[in-house]
């Protein structure tokens, strides 16, 4: 018969010790989550996308202008107006007080499709893309801006 020797000094963690370690880990995780602030990080990434979109739209408009002897698309007015999403019928754009930039997107020569704000349809017109465009009456400079930037930023490019 095999005899087992009973251990007198058994080692292990008590329930209190385990609970203390779990509580400390939870507190540290909470501090890390607050420090990282995922809401701010997501807002910053959406603002970066908006900045890239504004620049892309302005580049496409100026490429169109260069190919057409300096003439901008006639739909761009002196008042900052939201642009139509690509694929929206032109009559819907003009009747809905939106700028139709289909001349820039036709055949994909300048841009395949106008970018859409990362948070549309919130804050965007029904057929709008979340970006406004206008031209200065005296200088002819074009401005493209994001309608709903986050965290109090202003996202606008003028050329």
Protein backbone atom coordinates (compact mmCIF):
# COMPACT_ATOMS: atom_id res chain seq x y z
CA UNK A 1 0.00 0.00 0.00
CA UNK A 2 1.22 3.47 -0.90
CA UNK A 3 1.15 6.08 1.74
CA UNK A 4 0.84 9.74 1.01
CA UNK A 5 2.58 12.12 3.24
CA UNK A 6 0.36 14.92 4.39
CA UNK A 7 1.91 18.31 3.73
CA UNK A 8 1.85 20.53 6.73
CA UNK A 9 2.84 23.78 5.01
CA UNK A 10 0.43 24.04 2.08
CA UNK A 11 0.85 27.28 0.16
CA UNK A 12 -1.85 29.09 -1.82
CA UNK A 13 -3.65 32.40 -2.14
CA UNK A 14 -6.47 33.34 0.12
CA UNK A 15 -9.69 34.75 -1.28
CA UNK A 16 -8.80 38.18 0.08
CA UNK A 17 -5.45 38.21 -1.70
CA UNK A 18 -7.03 37.23 -5.02
CA UNK A 19 -9.72 39.91 -4.67
CA UNK A 20 -7.11 42.56 -3.89
CA UNK A 21 -5.10 41.70 -7.00
CA UNK A 22 -8.24 41.78 -9.19
CA UNK A 23 -9.23 45.16 -7.72
CA UNK A 24 -5.76 46.62 -8.37
CA UNK A 25 -5.80 45.37 -11.97
CA UNK A 26 -9.27 46.87 -12.50
CA UNK A 27 -8.14 50.25 -11.15
CA UNK A 28 -5.05 50.26 -13.37
CA UNK A 29 -7.12 49.27 -16.43
CA UNK A 30 -9.54 52.12 -15.69
CA UNK A 31 -6.69 54.61 -15.49
CA UNK A 32 -5.24 53.38 -18.80
CA UNK A 33 -8.62 53.61 -20.57
CA UNK A 34 -9.11 57.16 -19.30
CA UNK A 35 -5.58 58.12 -20.36
CA UNK A 36 -6.03 56.67 -23.86
CA UNK A 37 -9.50 58.28 -24.25
CA UNK A 38 -10.90 56.29 -27.19
CA UNK A 39 -13.57 58.91 -27.93
CA UNK A 40 -10.93 61.55 -28.58
CA UNK A 41 -8.83 59.13 -30.62
CA UNK A 42 -11.79 58.27 -32.85
CA UNK A 43 -12.67 61.95 -33.25
CA UNK A 44 -9.09 62.73 -34.25
CA UNK A 45 -9.06 59.96 -36.86
CA UNK A 46 -12.37 61.17 -38.35
CA UNK A 47 -11.00 64.73 -38.47
CA UNK A 48 -7.88 63.45 -40.26
CA UNK A 49 -10.16 61.78 -42.82
CA UNK A 50 -12.10 65.03 -43.25
CA UNK A 51 -8.86 66.97 -43.82
CA UNK A 52 -7.79 64.49 -46.49
CA UNK A 53 -11.25 64.63 -48.12
CA UNK A 54 -11.26 68.45 -48.24
CA UNK A 55 -7.84 68.47 -49.92
CA UNK A 56 -8.88 65.75 -52.39
CA UNK A 57 -12.01 67.67 -53.45
CA UNK A 58 -10.07 70.91 -53.91
CA UNK A 59 -7.38 69.15 -55.94
CA UNK A 60 -10.02 67.62 -58.22
CA UNK A 61 -11.70 71.01 -58.77
CA UNK A 62 -8.38 72.62 -59.69
CA UNK A 63 -7.42 69.78 -62.01
CA UNK A 64 -10.74 70.34 -63.77
CA UNK A 65 -9.98 74.07 -63.90
CA UNK A 66 -6.53 73.48 -65.43
CA UNK A 67 -7.99 71.29 -68.16
CA UNK A 68 -10.68 73.89 -68.93
CA UNK A 69 -8.56 77.04 -69.34
CA UNK A 70 -8.98 78.18 -65.74
CA UNK A 71 -12.77 77.86 -65.71
CA UNK A 72 -14.21 76.46 -62.50
CA UNK A 73 -17.35 74.31 -62.55
CA UNK A 74 -20.29 76.70 -62.98
CA UNK A 75 -22.20 75.16 -60.07
CA UNK A 76 -19.74 76.61 -57.51
CA UNK A 77 -21.21 79.82 -56.08
CA UNK A 78 -19.98 82.63 -53.83
CA UNK A 79 -21.97 81.16 -50.93
CA UNK A 80 -20.63 78.13 -49.08
CA UNK A 81 -23.01 75.35 -50.13
CA UNK A 82 -22.96 71.63 -49.41
CA UNK A 83 -22.06 69.33 -52.30
CA UNK A 84 -24.20 66.50 -53.65
CA UNK A 85 -23.17 62.90 -53.17
CA UNK A 86 -21.84 61.31 -56.32
CA UNK A 87 -24.61 59.57 -58.24
CA UNK A 88 -27.40 61.94 -57.18
CA UNK A 89 -29.53 63.19 -60.05
CA UNK A 90 -28.52 66.76 -61.01
CA UNK A 91 -32.11 68.05 -60.72
CA UNK A 92 -32.24 66.78 -57.13
CA UNK A 93 -29.02 68.66 -56.31
CA UNK A 94 -30.10 72.03 -57.65
CA UNK A 95 -33.62 71.81 -56.23
CA UNK A 96 -32.23 70.83 -52.84
CA UNK A 97 -29.80 73.78 -52.65
CA UNK A 98 -26.77 71.55 -53.13
CA UNK A 99 -23.80 72.01 -55.46
CA UNK A 100 -23.64 69.53 -58.32
CA UNK A 101 -20.01 68.66 -59.07
CA UNK A 102 -20.78 65.84 -61.49
CA UNK A 103 -18.54 67.60 -64.06
CA UNK A 104 -15.59 66.75 -61.83
CA UNK A 105 -16.61 63.13 -61.23
CA UNK A 106 -17.75 62.25 -64.77
CA UNK A 107 -15.57 59.49 -66.24
CA UNK A 108 -13.41 59.52 -63.11
CA UNK A 109 -10.80 61.74 -64.73
CA UNK A 110 -10.41 64.10 -61.78
CA UNK A 111 -11.96 62.07 -58.99
CA UNK A 112 -13.97 58.84 -59.14
CA UNK A 113 -16.50 59.93 -56.51
CA UNK A 114 -16.79 62.80 -54.06
CA UNK A 115 -15.82 61.75 -50.54
CA UNK A 116 -18.55 61.57 -47.90
CA UNK A 117 -18.09 62.78 -44.31
CA UNK A 118 -17.36 59.87 -41.93
CA UNK A 119 -20.46 60.63 -39.86
CA UNK A 120 -23.02 61.28 -42.62
CA UNK A 121 -26.01 61.20 -42.68
CA UNK A 122 -25.81 62.88 -39.25
CA UNK A 123 -25.46 66.62 -39.89
CA UNK A 124 -25.56 66.25 -43.66
CA UNK A 125 -28.33 67.16 -46.08
CA UNK A 126 -30.36 64.26 -47.49
CA UNK A 127 -28.26 63.96 -50.64
CA UNK A 128 -25.26 65.91 -49.32
CA UNK A 129 -21.75 64.65 -48.68
CA UNK A 130 -20.94 66.74 -45.58
CA UNK A 131 -18.57 69.19 -47.27
CA UNK A 132 -19.22 72.75 -48.47
CA UNK A 133 -17.60 74.58 -51.37
CA UNK A 134 -17.54 78.23 -52.37
CA UNK A 135 -15.49 80.68 -54.42
CA UNK A 136 -14.48 84.21 -53.52
CA UNK A 137 -16.19 86.76 -55.81
CA UNK A 138 -13.15 89.04 -56.09
CA UNK A 139 -10.17 86.67 -56.09
CA UNK A 140 -11.81 83.56 -57.51
CA UNK A 141 -10.16 81.42 -54.83
CA UNK A 142 -12.03 78.25 -53.95
CA UNK A 143 -12.67 77.12 -50.37
CA UNK A 144 -13.72 73.61 -49.35
CA UNK A 145 -14.69 72.97 -45.74
CA UNK A 146 -16.00 70.18 -43.55
CA UNK A 147 -19.45 70.90 -42.11
CA UNK A 148 -19.20 68.84 -38.91
CA UNK A 149 -15.61 68.62 -37.66
CA UNK A 150 -15.21 67.30 -34.12
CA UNK A 151 -13.54 68.62 -30.97
CA UNK A 152 -13.95 72.27 -31.99
CA UNK A 153 -11.61 72.06 -34.99
CA UNK A 154 -12.07 74.01 -38.20
CA UNK A 155 -11.28 72.01 -41.31
CA UNK A 156 -11.04 74.24 -44.35
CA UNK A 157 -8.67 74.63 -47.32
CA UNK A 158 -8.57 77.64 -49.67
CA UNK A 159 -6.61 77.94 -52.90
